[in-house]
């Protein structure tokens, strides 16, 4: 992302690095919002679906930013280059903000929602639950590996539009695909939240069982 801001949006390298760092930090801070909404109101499944759609919209806007020439400064082989206009910068930052918001909603919910699909009272499913976490983190690391190898190759060979477009397409497919599967949604999902009253506190399932 730093390379895109420097090469395509003509930002100075220190500014681009700062903006990307702030963006990543915002995505992690917004996990607090995602976790709160999932536990207090929406439940993990609805939170994942809603914020995945927000994430996908952000990716679409980012791909459009890389595809439409009017949303970027003109090509500049030599510096100094004409900086991006306020309109161009605002469009890009809107896309990045939606991606950060989507990340904040998905990240705190997806692993626990995956664990909800297994019945711990069933010994066979309990064993599969451990295997799920192994494959889950393996998939995360493989995605990171492909992001710095395959997608970089696509971006170098075909351009930024393809580099952003491929993960955008994958994200849209995943959003459409998830509701197709029959998933297990706990009855208490979205109705449990940390509660302190009269010196008594309970969390998660304990609160549900007592309410």
N, C-alpha and C. Protein backbone atom coordinates (compact mmCIF):
# COMPACT_ATOMS: atom_id res chain seq x y z
N UNK A 1 0.81 -1.19 0.00
CA UNK A 1 0.00 0.00 0.00
C UNK A 1 0.86 1.26 0.00
N UNK A 2 2.01 1.18 0.70
CA UNK A 2 2.93 2.31 0.69
C UNK A 2 3.40 2.60 -0.72
N UNK A 3 3.72 1.55 -1.47
CA UNK A 3 4.17 1.73 -2.85
C UNK A 3 3.10 2.39 -3.71
N UNK A 4 1.84 2.02 -3.49
CA UNK A 4 0.75 2.63 -4.26
C UNK A 4 0.63 4.12 -3.95
N UNK A 5 0.72 4.47 -2.68
CA UNK A 5 0.60 5.88 -2.30
C UNK A 5 1.75 6.71 -2.86
N UNK A 6 2.93 6.10 -2.89
CA UNK A 6 4.10 6.84 -3.38
C UNK A 6 4.09 6.93 -4.90
N UNK A 7 3.89 5.81 -5.57
CA UNK A 7 4.03 5.77 -7.03
C UNK A 7 2.81 6.31 -7.77
N UNK A 8 1.63 6.00 -7.24
CA UNK A 8 0.42 6.38 -7.96
C UNK A 8 -0.23 7.66 -7.44
N UNK A 9 -0.17 7.86 -6.12
CA UNK A 9 -0.79 9.05 -5.54
C UNK A 9 0.22 10.16 -5.28
N UNK A 10 1.49 9.87 -5.56
CA UNK A 10 2.57 10.86 -5.49
C UNK A 10 2.72 11.47 -4.10
N UNK A 11 2.60 10.63 -3.09
CA UNK A 11 2.83 11.09 -1.73
C UNK A 11 4.30 10.91 -1.36
N UNK A 12 4.86 11.78 -0.54
CA UNK A 12 6.22 11.55 -0.03
C UNK A 12 6.27 10.25 0.77
N UNK A 13 7.38 9.55 0.72
CA UNK A 13 7.51 8.26 1.39
C UNK A 13 7.19 8.32 2.88
N UNK A 14 7.71 9.31 3.64
CA UNK A 14 7.36 9.35 5.07
C UNK A 14 5.86 9.52 5.31
N UNK A 15 5.21 10.37 4.49
CA UNK A 15 3.77 10.55 4.65
C UNK A 15 3.01 9.27 4.32
N UNK A 16 3.42 8.60 3.25
CA UNK A 16 2.75 7.37 2.86
C UNK A 16 2.89 6.30 3.94
N UNK A 17 4.09 6.17 4.49
CA UNK A 17 4.31 5.17 5.55
C UNK A 17 3.47 5.50 6.78
N UNK A 18 3.36 6.78 7.12
CA UNK A 18 2.55 7.20 8.26
C UNK A 18 1.08 6.89 8.03
N UNK A 19 0.59 7.19 6.83
CA UNK A 19 -0.81 6.95 6.52
C UNK A 19 -1.15 5.47 6.57
N UNK A 20 -0.27 4.63 6.05
CA UNK A 20 -0.52 3.18 6.08
C UNK A 20 -0.48 2.66 7.51
N UNK A 21 0.47 3.16 8.31
CA UNK A 21 0.54 2.74 9.72
C UNK A 21 -0.72 3.15 10.47
N UNK A 22 -1.19 4.37 10.24
CA UNK A 22 -2.44 4.82 10.87
C UNK A 22 -3.62 3.97 10.44
N UNK A 23 -3.64 3.60 9.17
CA UNK A 23 -4.73 2.77 8.62
C UNK A 23 -4.75 1.39 9.28
N UNK A 24 -3.58 0.78 9.39
CA UNK A 24 -3.50 -0.53 10.02
C UNK A 24 -3.89 -0.44 11.50
N UNK A 25 -3.40 0.62 12.16
CA UNK A 25 -3.76 0.80 13.56
C UNK A 25 -5.24 0.99 13.76
N UNK A 26 -5.87 1.75 12.86
CA UNK A 26 -7.31 1.96 12.95
C UNK A 26 -8.08 0.65 12.79
N UNK A 27 -7.60 -0.20 11.89
CA UNK A 27 -8.27 -1.49 11.68
C UNK A 27 -8.25 -2.33 12.95
N UNK A 28 -7.14 -2.31 13.68
CA UNK A 28 -7.05 -3.09 14.91
C UNK A 28 -7.86 -2.45 16.04
N UNK A 29 -7.86 -1.14 16.13
CA UNK A 29 -8.66 -0.47 17.16
C UNK A 29 -10.15 -0.72 16.94
N UNK A 30 -10.56 -0.77 15.68
CA UNK A 30 -11.98 -0.97 15.36
C UNK A 30 -12.46 -2.38 15.68
N UNK A 31 -11.54 -3.29 15.99
CA UNK A 31 -11.98 -4.62 16.44
C UNK A 31 -12.75 -4.51 17.75
N UNK A 32 -12.48 -3.49 18.54
CA UNK A 32 -13.25 -3.27 19.77
C UNK A 32 -14.71 -3.01 19.45
N UNK A 33 -14.94 -2.20 18.42
CA UNK A 33 -16.32 -1.93 17.98
C UNK A 33 -16.97 -3.20 17.45
N UNK A 34 -16.25 -3.95 16.63
CA UNK A 34 -16.81 -5.18 16.08
C UNK A 34 -17.17 -6.18 17.16
N UNK A 35 -16.28 -6.34 18.14
CA UNK A 35 -16.55 -7.28 19.23
C UNK A 35 -17.75 -6.84 20.06
N UNK A 36 -17.84 -5.53 20.32
CA UNK A 36 -18.97 -5.00 21.09
C UNK A 36 -20.29 -5.25 20.38
N UNK A 37 -20.34 -4.93 19.09
CA UNK A 37 -21.59 -5.11 18.33
C UNK A 37 -21.98 -6.58 18.26
N UNK A 38 -20.97 -7.45 18.09
CA UNK A 38 -21.26 -8.89 18.00
C UNK A 38 -21.80 -9.43 19.31
N UNK A 39 -21.20 -9.02 20.43
CA UNK A 39 -21.61 -9.56 21.72
C UNK A 39 -22.90 -8.93 22.23
N UNK A 40 -23.12 -7.66 21.93
CA UNK A 40 -24.24 -6.95 22.54
C UNK A 40 -25.49 -6.92 21.67
N UNK A 41 -25.33 -6.92 20.35
CA UNK A 41 -26.49 -6.66 19.49
C UNK A 41 -26.65 -7.66 18.34
N UNK A 42 -25.63 -7.77 17.50
CA UNK A 42 -25.82 -8.44 16.22
C UNK A 42 -25.57 -9.94 16.25
N UNK A 43 -24.67 -10.39 17.09
CA UNK A 43 -24.22 -11.77 17.02
C UNK A 43 -23.08 -11.90 16.03
N UNK A 44 -22.32 -12.96 16.16
CA UNK A 44 -21.11 -13.11 15.34
C UNK A 44 -21.44 -13.28 13.86
N UNK A 45 -22.46 -14.09 13.54
CA UNK A 45 -22.76 -14.36 12.14
C UNK A 45 -23.18 -13.10 11.40
N UNK A 46 -24.13 -12.37 11.97
CA UNK A 46 -24.59 -11.14 11.31
C UNK A 46 -23.47 -10.10 11.24
N UNK A 47 -22.67 -10.03 12.29
CA UNK A 47 -21.55 -9.08 12.28
C UNK A 47 -20.58 -9.41 11.16
N UNK A 48 -20.27 -10.69 10.99
CA UNK A 48 -19.35 -11.10 9.92
C UNK A 48 -19.92 -10.75 8.56
N UNK A 49 -21.20 -11.04 8.35
CA UNK A 49 -21.82 -10.77 7.05
C UNK A 49 -21.85 -9.27 6.76
N UNK A 50 -22.31 -8.47 7.73
CA UNK A 50 -22.43 -7.03 7.51
C UNK A 50 -21.07 -6.39 7.26
N UNK A 51 -20.10 -6.71 8.09
CA UNK A 51 -18.79 -6.07 7.96
C UNK A 51 -18.00 -6.64 6.78
N UNK A 52 -18.30 -7.86 6.39
CA UNK A 52 -17.68 -8.40 5.16
C UNK A 52 -18.18 -7.62 3.94
N UNK A 53 -19.46 -7.27 3.96
CA UNK A 53 -20.00 -6.46 2.86
C UNK A 53 -19.35 -5.08 2.84
N UNK A 54 -19.16 -4.48 4.02
CA UNK A 54 -18.48 -3.19 4.10
C UNK A 54 -17.06 -3.31 3.57
N UNK A 55 -16.38 -4.37 3.96
CA UNK A 55 -15.01 -4.62 3.49
C UNK A 55 -14.99 -4.76 1.97
N UNK A 56 -15.94 -5.52 1.43
CA UNK A 56 -16.00 -5.73 -0.02
C UNK A 56 -16.24 -4.42 -0.76
N UNK A 57 -17.12 -3.57 -0.23
CA UNK A 57 -17.36 -2.27 -0.85
C UNK A 57 -16.08 -1.44 -0.86
N UNK A 58 -15.35 -1.46 0.25
CA UNK A 58 -14.08 -0.75 0.30
C UNK A 58 -13.09 -1.27 -0.72
N UNK A 59 -13.03 -2.58 -0.89
CA UNK A 59 -12.12 -3.16 -1.89
C UNK A 59 -12.53 -2.78 -3.30
N UNK A 60 -13.84 -2.74 -3.56
CA UNK A 60 -14.32 -2.32 -4.87
C UNK A 60 -13.91 -0.88 -5.15
N UNK A 61 -14.08 -0.01 -4.16
CA UNK A 61 -13.69 1.40 -4.33
C UNK A 61 -12.18 1.53 -4.53
N UNK A 62 -11.41 0.72 -3.83
CA UNK A 62 -9.95 0.75 -4.00
C UNK A 62 -9.56 0.31 -5.40
N UNK A 63 -10.23 -0.71 -5.91
CA UNK A 63 -9.96 -1.18 -7.27
C UNK A 63 -10.35 -0.12 -8.29
N UNK A 64 -11.48 0.55 -8.05
CA UNK A 64 -11.89 1.64 -8.95
C UNK A 64 -10.87 2.76 -8.93
N UNK A 65 -10.35 3.07 -7.74
CA UNK A 65 -9.34 4.12 -7.62
C UNK A 65 -8.10 3.79 -8.45
N UNK A 66 -7.75 2.51 -8.49
CA UNK A 66 -6.58 2.10 -9.25
C UNK A 66 -6.87 1.93 -10.74
N UNK A 67 -8.15 1.89 -11.11
CA UNK A 67 -8.52 1.64 -12.51
C UNK A 67 -8.89 2.90 -13.28
N UNK A 68 -9.50 3.86 -12.60
CA UNK A 68 -9.98 5.07 -13.27
C UNK A 68 -8.91 6.15 -13.20
N UNK A 69 -8.46 6.61 -14.34
CA UNK A 69 -7.35 7.56 -14.38
C UNK A 69 -7.69 8.89 -13.71
N UNK A 70 -8.94 9.30 -13.77
CA UNK A 70 -9.32 10.58 -13.18
C UNK A 70 -9.28 10.55 -11.65
N UNK A 71 -9.16 9.36 -11.07
CA UNK A 71 -9.08 9.24 -9.62
C UNK A 71 -7.65 9.17 -9.12
N UNK A 72 -6.70 9.37 -10.03
CA UNK A 72 -5.28 9.40 -9.68
C UNK A 72 -4.61 10.57 -10.38
N UNK A 73 -3.50 11.05 -9.85
CA UNK A 73 -2.75 12.10 -10.55
C UNK A 73 -2.21 11.56 -11.87
N UNK A 74 -1.90 12.43 -12.82
CA UNK A 74 -1.35 11.95 -14.08
C UNK A 74 0.00 11.26 -13.90
N UNK A 75 0.29 10.35 -14.82
CA UNK A 75 1.57 9.61 -14.76
C UNK A 75 2.74 10.58 -14.75
N UNK A 76 3.71 10.29 -13.90
CA UNK A 76 4.85 11.21 -13.72
C UNK A 76 6.13 10.40 -13.67
N UNK A 77 6.90 10.36 -14.77
CA UNK A 77 8.15 9.59 -14.76
C UNK A 77 9.26 10.25 -13.97
N UNK A 78 9.19 11.58 -13.79
CA UNK A 78 10.24 12.30 -13.08
C UNK A 78 9.63 13.19 -12.01
N UNK A 79 10.33 13.28 -10.90
CA UNK A 79 9.91 14.17 -9.82
C UNK A 79 10.52 15.55 -10.02
N UNK A 80 9.83 16.61 -9.54
CA UNK A 80 8.61 16.61 -8.71
C UNK A 80 7.35 16.32 -9.51
N UNK A 81 6.39 15.66 -8.87
CA UNK A 81 5.16 15.26 -9.54
C UNK A 81 3.97 16.02 -8.96
N UNK A 82 2.95 16.13 -9.77
CA UNK A 82 1.73 16.78 -9.34
C UNK A 82 1.05 15.91 -8.28
N UNK A 83 0.78 16.44 -7.09
CA UNK A 83 0.16 15.61 -6.05
C UNK A 83 -1.31 15.32 -6.37
N UNK A 84 -1.85 14.34 -5.69
CA UNK A 84 -3.27 14.00 -5.87
C UNK A 84 -4.13 15.15 -5.37
N UNK A 85 -5.26 15.35 -6.04
CA UNK A 85 -6.19 16.39 -5.62
C UNK A 85 -6.94 15.94 -4.37
N UNK A 86 -7.62 16.87 -3.74
CA UNK A 86 -8.40 16.54 -2.55
C UNK A 86 -9.48 15.50 -2.86
N UNK A 87 -10.09 15.61 -4.03
CA UNK A 87 -11.14 14.66 -4.43
C UNK A 87 -10.55 13.26 -4.61
N UNK A 88 -9.41 13.17 -5.26
CA UNK A 88 -8.77 11.87 -5.46
C UNK A 88 -8.34 11.25 -4.14
N UNK A 89 -7.76 12.06 -3.28
CA UNK A 89 -7.32 11.57 -1.97
C UNK A 89 -8.51 11.14 -1.12
N UNK A 90 -9.58 11.93 -1.14
CA UNK A 90 -10.76 11.60 -0.35
C UNK A 90 -11.38 10.28 -0.80
N UNK A 91 -11.42 10.05 -2.11
CA UNK A 91 -11.99 8.79 -2.62
C UNK A 91 -11.17 7.60 -2.13
N UNK A 92 -9.85 7.73 -2.22
CA UNK A 92 -8.98 6.64 -1.78
C UNK A 92 -9.12 6.41 -0.28
N UNK A 93 -9.11 7.48 0.50
CA UNK A 93 -9.20 7.32 1.95
C UNK A 93 -10.56 6.78 2.37
N UNK A 94 -11.60 7.09 1.62
CA UNK A 94 -12.91 6.51 1.90
C UNK A 94 -12.87 4.99 1.72
N UNK A 95 -12.22 4.55 0.65
CA UNK A 95 -12.07 3.11 0.41
C UNK A 95 -11.29 2.45 1.54
N UNK A 96 -10.18 3.08 1.94
CA UNK A 96 -9.36 2.51 3.01
C UNK A 96 -10.09 2.50 4.34
N UNK A 97 -10.90 3.54 4.58
CA UNK A 97 -11.67 3.60 5.83
C UNK A 97 -12.69 2.46 5.90
N UNK A 98 -13.35 2.18 4.78
CA UNK A 98 -14.31 1.07 4.75
C UNK A 98 -13.62 -0.27 4.96
N UNK A 99 -12.43 -0.42 4.39
CA UNK A 99 -11.68 -1.66 4.58
C UNK A 99 -11.29 -1.82 6.05
N UNK A 100 -10.83 -0.73 6.67
CA UNK A 100 -10.46 -0.79 8.09
C UNK A 100 -11.68 -1.12 8.95
N UNK A 101 -12.81 -0.50 8.64
CA UNK A 101 -14.05 -0.78 9.39
C UNK A 101 -14.47 -2.23 9.21
N UNK A 102 -14.41 -2.72 7.98
CA UNK A 102 -14.76 -4.11 7.73
C UNK A 102 -13.85 -5.07 8.47
N UNK A 103 -12.55 -4.77 8.47
CA UNK A 103 -11.60 -5.60 9.20
C UNK A 103 -11.92 -5.62 10.68
N UNK A 104 -12.28 -4.45 11.22
CA UNK A 104 -12.61 -4.38 12.63
C UNK A 104 -13.81 -5.21 13.02
N UNK A 105 -14.74 -5.40 12.10
CA UNK A 105 -15.90 -6.23 12.40
C UNK A 105 -15.66 -7.71 12.21
N UNK A 106 -14.80 -8.05 11.24
CA UNK A 106 -14.57 -9.46 10.93
C UNK A 106 -13.58 -10.11 11.89
N UNK A 107 -12.49 -9.42 12.16
CA UNK A 107 -11.36 -10.02 12.88
C UNK A 107 -11.72 -10.60 14.24
N UNK A 108 -12.51 -9.92 15.10
CA UNK A 108 -12.78 -10.50 16.42
C UNK A 108 -13.83 -11.61 16.43
N UNK A 109 -14.48 -11.84 15.30
CA UNK A 109 -15.62 -12.76 15.28
C UNK A 109 -15.37 -14.07 14.53
N UNK A 110 -14.50 -14.02 13.54
CA UNK A 110 -14.47 -15.14 12.59
C UNK A 110 -13.94 -16.42 13.22
N UNK A 111 -12.91 -16.35 14.06
CA UNK A 111 -12.36 -17.58 14.64
C UNK A 111 -13.34 -18.20 15.64
N UNK A 112 -13.96 -17.35 16.48
CA UNK A 112 -14.92 -17.88 17.45
C UNK A 112 -16.18 -18.41 16.77
N UNK A 113 -16.58 -17.77 15.66
CA UNK A 113 -17.74 -18.27 14.93
C UNK A 113 -17.43 -19.64 14.31
N UNK A 114 -16.21 -19.80 13.82
CA UNK A 114 -15.81 -21.11 13.31
C UNK A 114 -15.87 -22.17 14.40
N UNK A 115 -15.45 -21.81 15.61
CA UNK A 115 -15.49 -22.76 16.72
C UNK A 115 -16.93 -23.12 17.09
N UNK A 116 -17.86 -22.19 16.86
CA UNK A 116 -19.27 -22.46 17.17
C UNK A 116 -19.85 -23.58 16.32
N UNK A 117 -19.21 -23.92 15.22
CA UNK A 117 -19.76 -24.93 14.33
C UNK A 117 -19.54 -26.35 14.84
N UNK A 118 -18.83 -26.49 15.95
CA UNK A 118 -18.51 -27.81 16.49
C UNK A 118 -19.15 -27.99 17.86
N UNK A 119 -19.74 -29.14 18.07
CA UNK A 119 -20.39 -29.48 19.32
C UNK A 119 -19.37 -30.13 20.25
N UNK A 120 -19.03 -29.44 21.33
CA UNK A 120 -18.00 -29.96 22.24
C UNK A 120 -18.47 -31.19 23.00
N UNK A 121 -19.78 -31.40 23.08
CA UNK A 121 -20.28 -32.60 23.76
C UNK A 121 -20.06 -33.86 22.92
N UNK A 122 -19.81 -33.67 21.62
CA UNK A 122 -19.50 -34.78 20.72
C UNK A 122 -17.98 -34.91 20.64
N UNK A 123 -17.45 -36.04 21.06
CA UNK A 123 -15.99 -36.21 21.10
C UNK A 123 -15.36 -36.07 19.73
N UNK A 124 -16.05 -36.58 18.72
CA UNK A 124 -15.52 -36.51 17.36
C UNK A 124 -15.46 -35.05 16.88
N UNK A 125 -16.52 -34.29 17.14
CA UNK A 125 -16.54 -32.90 16.73
C UNK A 125 -15.57 -32.06 17.55
N UNK A 126 -15.40 -32.40 18.81
CA UNK A 126 -14.44 -31.68 19.65
C UNK A 126 -13.03 -31.83 19.10
N UNK A 127 -12.72 -33.03 18.59
CA UNK A 127 -11.41 -33.25 17.97
C UNK A 127 -11.27 -32.42 16.68
N UNK A 128 -12.36 -32.35 15.92
CA UNK A 128 -12.33 -31.56 14.68
C UNK A 128 -12.17 -30.07 14.96
N UNK A 129 -12.62 -29.65 16.13
CA UNK A 129 -12.50 -28.25 16.50
C UNK A 129 -11.04 -27.84 16.59
N UNK A 130 -10.21 -28.69 17.15
CA UNK A 130 -8.78 -28.39 17.23
C UNK A 130 -8.17 -28.36 15.83
N UNK A 131 -8.61 -29.27 14.99
CA UNK A 131 -8.11 -29.28 13.61
C UNK A 131 -8.53 -28.01 12.88
N UNK A 132 -9.73 -27.51 13.19
CA UNK A 132 -10.20 -26.28 12.55
C UNK A 132 -9.25 -25.13 12.82
N UNK A 133 -8.83 -24.96 14.07
CA UNK A 133 -7.93 -23.85 14.39
C UNK A 133 -6.58 -24.01 13.71
N UNK A 134 -6.11 -25.24 13.57
CA UNK A 134 -4.86 -25.47 12.83
C UNK A 134 -4.99 -25.01 11.39
N UNK A 135 -6.07 -25.43 10.73
CA UNK A 135 -6.29 -25.05 9.33
C UNK A 135 -6.61 -23.56 9.20
N UNK A 136 -7.28 -23.01 10.20
CA UNK A 136 -7.63 -21.59 10.17
C UNK A 136 -6.37 -20.72 10.14
N UNK A 137 -5.46 -20.97 11.06
CA UNK A 137 -4.24 -20.17 11.10
C UNK A 137 -3.30 -20.51 9.95
N UNK A 138 -3.36 -21.74 9.47
CA UNK A 138 -2.59 -22.09 8.27
C UNK A 138 -3.09 -21.28 7.08
N UNK A 139 -4.42 -21.16 6.95
CA UNK A 139 -4.99 -20.39 5.85
C UNK A 139 -4.62 -18.92 5.95
N UNK A 140 -4.62 -18.37 7.18
CA UNK A 140 -4.25 -16.97 7.37
C UNK A 140 -2.81 -16.73 6.90
N UNK A 141 -1.91 -17.61 7.29
CA UNK A 141 -0.51 -17.43 6.91
C UNK A 141 -0.28 -17.69 5.43
N UNK A 142 -1.03 -18.62 4.85
CA UNK A 142 -0.92 -18.84 3.42
C UNK A 142 -1.44 -17.63 2.65
N UNK A 143 -2.51 -17.02 3.16
CA UNK A 143 -3.01 -15.80 2.53
C UNK A 143 -1.99 -14.69 2.55
N UNK A 144 -1.31 -14.54 3.70
CA UNK A 144 -0.26 -13.53 3.80
C UNK A 144 0.88 -13.82 2.84
N UNK A 145 1.24 -15.11 2.72
CA UNK A 145 2.31 -15.50 1.79
C UNK A 145 1.93 -15.19 0.35
N UNK A 146 0.71 -15.54 -0.03
CA UNK A 146 0.25 -15.26 -1.40
C UNK A 146 0.16 -13.75 -1.64
N UNK A 147 -0.16 -13.00 -0.58
CA UNK A 147 -0.27 -11.56 -0.73
C UNK A 147 1.05 -10.89 -1.08
N UNK A 148 2.15 -11.43 -0.54
CA UNK A 148 3.45 -10.82 -0.81
C UNK A 148 4.21 -11.51 -1.94
N UNK A 149 3.60 -12.51 -2.55
CA UNK A 149 4.26 -13.19 -3.67
C UNK A 149 3.38 -13.13 -4.92
N UNK A 150 2.30 -13.88 -4.94
CA UNK A 150 1.45 -13.96 -6.13
C UNK A 150 0.82 -12.62 -6.49
N UNK A 151 0.26 -11.95 -5.49
CA UNK A 151 -0.41 -10.68 -5.79
C UNK A 151 0.59 -9.60 -6.19
N UNK A 152 1.77 -9.64 -5.61
CA UNK A 152 2.81 -8.70 -6.03
C UNK A 152 3.21 -8.96 -7.47
N UNK A 153 3.31 -10.23 -7.83
CA UNK A 153 3.64 -10.59 -9.22
C UNK A 153 2.55 -10.09 -10.18
N UNK A 154 1.28 -10.31 -9.80
CA UNK A 154 0.17 -9.84 -10.64
C UNK A 154 0.21 -8.32 -10.78
N UNK A 155 0.48 -7.63 -9.67
CA UNK A 155 0.52 -6.16 -9.71
C UNK A 155 1.65 -5.67 -10.62
N UNK A 156 2.81 -6.31 -10.53
CA UNK A 156 3.96 -5.88 -11.34
C UNK A 156 3.71 -6.16 -12.81
N UNK A 157 3.14 -7.31 -13.12
CA UNK A 157 2.97 -7.72 -14.51
C UNK A 157 1.72 -7.10 -15.16
N UNK A 158 0.65 -6.96 -14.40
CA UNK A 158 -0.63 -6.53 -14.99
C UNK A 158 -1.10 -5.17 -14.52
N UNK A 159 -0.56 -4.66 -13.44
CA UNK A 159 -0.95 -3.34 -12.96
C UNK A 159 -1.69 -3.38 -11.64
N UNK A 160 -1.84 -2.19 -11.06
CA UNK A 160 -2.48 -2.07 -9.76
C UNK A 160 -3.96 -2.49 -9.79
N UNK A 161 -4.63 -2.24 -10.88
CA UNK A 161 -6.05 -2.60 -10.96
C UNK A 161 -6.24 -4.10 -10.78
N UNK A 162 -5.39 -4.90 -11.42
CA UNK A 162 -5.45 -6.35 -11.25
C UNK A 162 -4.98 -6.76 -9.85
N UNK A 163 -3.95 -6.07 -9.35
CA UNK A 163 -3.44 -6.40 -8.02
C UNK A 163 -4.49 -6.21 -6.94
N UNK A 164 -5.32 -5.19 -7.09
CA UNK A 164 -6.42 -4.98 -6.13
C UNK A 164 -7.67 -5.75 -6.54
N UNK A 165 -7.86 -5.95 -7.83
CA UNK A 165 -9.08 -6.57 -8.32
C UNK A 165 -9.20 -8.04 -7.96
N UNK A 166 -8.08 -8.77 -7.97
CA UNK A 166 -8.14 -10.21 -7.65
C UNK A 166 -8.61 -10.44 -6.21
N UNK A 167 -8.00 -9.80 -5.20
CA UNK A 167 -8.53 -10.02 -3.83
C UNK A 167 -9.94 -9.48 -3.65
N UNK A 168 -10.30 -8.45 -4.41
CA UNK A 168 -11.67 -7.95 -4.35
C UNK A 168 -12.66 -9.02 -4.80
N UNK A 169 -12.34 -9.67 -5.92
CA UNK A 169 -13.21 -10.73 -6.44
C UNK A 169 -13.31 -11.89 -5.45
N UNK A 170 -12.18 -12.25 -4.84
CA UNK A 170 -12.18 -13.34 -3.86
C UNK A 170 -13.04 -12.97 -2.66
N UNK A 171 -12.96 -11.72 -2.23
CA UNK A 171 -13.74 -11.28 -1.08
C UNK A 171 -15.24 -11.32 -1.39
N UNK A 172 -15.61 -10.88 -2.56
CA UNK A 172 -17.03 -10.88 -2.95
C UNK A 172 -17.56 -12.31 -3.00
N UNK A 173 -16.77 -13.22 -3.57
CA UNK A 173 -17.18 -14.63 -3.63
C UNK A 173 -17.36 -15.20 -2.23
N UNK A 174 -16.45 -14.86 -1.32
CA UNK A 174 -16.55 -15.39 0.04
C UNK A 174 -17.79 -14.86 0.76
N UNK A 175 -18.15 -13.59 0.51
CA UNK A 175 -19.34 -13.01 1.15
C UNK A 175 -20.60 -13.71 0.64
N UNK A 176 -20.63 -14.01 -0.65
CA UNK A 176 -21.80 -14.67 -1.24
C UNK A 176 -21.85 -16.13 -0.82
N UNK A 177 -20.68 -16.74 -0.67
CA UNK A 177 -20.58 -18.17 -0.41
C UNK A 177 -20.95 -18.52 1.04
N UNK A 178 -20.57 -17.68 1.99
CA UNK A 178 -20.76 -18.03 3.40
C UNK A 178 -22.21 -18.34 3.76
N UNK A 179 -23.19 -17.50 3.38
CA UNK A 179 -24.58 -17.82 3.77
C UNK A 179 -25.13 -19.06 3.08
N UNK A 180 -24.47 -19.52 2.00
CA UNK A 180 -24.96 -20.71 1.30
C UNK A 180 -24.81 -21.94 2.17
N UNK A 181 -23.73 -21.98 2.97
CA UNK A 181 -23.50 -23.13 3.83
C UNK A 181 -24.47 -23.11 5.01
N UNK A 182 -24.84 -24.31 5.44
CA UNK A 182 -25.67 -24.42 6.62
C UNK A 182 -24.77 -24.23 7.83
N UNK A 183 -24.97 -23.15 8.55
CA UNK A 183 -24.10 -22.84 9.68
C UNK A 183 -24.88 -22.95 10.98
N UNK A 184 -24.14 -23.19 12.05
CA UNK A 184 -24.74 -23.29 13.38
C UNK A 184 -24.57 -21.96 14.08
N UNK A 185 -25.69 -21.34 14.45
CA UNK A 185 -25.67 -20.06 15.14
C UNK A 185 -26.20 -20.26 16.54
N UNK A 186 -25.39 -20.04 17.56
CA UNK A 186 -25.87 -20.23 18.94
C UNK A 186 -27.09 -19.38 19.21
N UNK A 187 -28.04 -19.93 19.98
CA UNK A 187 -29.27 -19.19 20.27
C UNK A 187 -29.01 -17.90 21.02
N UNK A 188 -27.94 -17.89 21.80
CA UNK A 188 -27.64 -16.70 22.59
C UNK A 188 -26.77 -15.70 21.84
N UNK A 189 -26.42 -16.02 20.61
CA UNK A 189 -25.51 -15.17 19.85
C UNK A 189 -26.08 -13.77 19.68
N UNK A 190 -25.33 -12.77 20.14
CA UNK A 190 -25.77 -11.40 20.02
C UNK A 190 -26.58 -10.91 21.21
N UNK A 191 -26.80 -11.77 22.21
CA UNK A 191 -27.61 -11.36 23.35
C UNK A 191 -26.81 -11.38 24.65
N UNK A 192 -25.52 -11.69 24.52
CA UNK A 192 -24.69 -11.77 25.71
C UNK A 192 -23.71 -10.63 25.74
N UNK A 193 -23.59 -10.01 26.90
CA UNK A 193 -22.62 -8.93 27.04
C UNK A 193 -22.25 -8.81 28.51
N UNK A 194 -21.09 -8.32 28.71
CA UNK A 194 -20.58 -8.20 30.07
C UNK A 194 -21.53 -7.33 30.91
N UNK A 195 -21.88 -7.82 32.09
CA UNK A 195 -22.87 -7.14 32.93
C UNK A 195 -22.38 -7.13 34.38
N UNK A 196 -22.42 -5.98 34.96
CA UNK A 196 -22.07 -5.87 36.36
C UNK A 196 -23.24 -5.22 37.09
N UNK A 197 -23.80 -5.92 38.05
CA UNK A 197 -24.92 -5.35 38.81
C UNK A 197 -24.90 -5.94 40.21
N UNK A 198 -25.00 -5.08 41.18
CA UNK A 198 -25.04 -5.48 42.59
C UNK A 198 -23.84 -6.34 42.96
N UNK A 199 -22.68 -6.00 42.40
CA UNK A 199 -21.48 -6.74 42.73
C UNK A 199 -21.40 -8.09 42.07
N UNK A 200 -22.32 -8.39 41.15
CA UNK A 200 -22.34 -9.69 40.46
C UNK A 200 -22.01 -9.47 39.00
N UNK A 201 -21.09 -10.25 38.49
CA UNK A 201 -20.70 -10.11 37.08
C UNK A 201 -20.75 -11.46 36.42
N UNK A 202 -21.13 -11.46 35.17
CA UNK A 202 -21.14 -12.68 34.38
C UNK A 202 -20.89 -12.32 32.93
N UNK A 203 -20.35 -13.27 32.20
CA UNK A 203 -19.90 -12.98 30.84
C UNK A 203 -20.31 -14.09 29.90
N UNK A 204 -20.66 -13.70 28.69
CA UNK A 204 -20.88 -14.68 27.62
C UNK A 204 -21.97 -15.66 27.95
N UNK A 205 -21.63 -16.95 27.85
CA UNK A 205 -22.62 -18.00 28.02
C UNK A 205 -23.17 -18.04 29.43
N UNK A 206 -22.32 -17.67 30.44
CA UNK A 206 -22.80 -17.68 31.80
C UNK A 206 -23.94 -16.69 31.98
N UNK A 207 -23.80 -15.53 31.36
CA UNK A 207 -24.88 -14.55 31.42
C UNK A 207 -26.14 -15.08 30.76
N UNK A 208 -25.97 -15.78 29.64
CA UNK A 208 -27.14 -16.29 28.92
C UNK A 208 -27.86 -17.35 29.75
N UNK A 209 -27.08 -18.17 30.43
CA UNK A 209 -27.69 -19.26 31.18
C UNK A 209 -28.47 -18.73 32.38
N UNK A 210 -28.02 -17.59 32.90
CA UNK A 210 -28.65 -17.08 34.10
C UNK A 210 -29.79 -16.11 33.78
N UNK A 211 -29.86 -15.62 32.54
CA UNK A 211 -30.88 -14.64 32.19
C UNK A 211 -32.13 -15.32 31.67
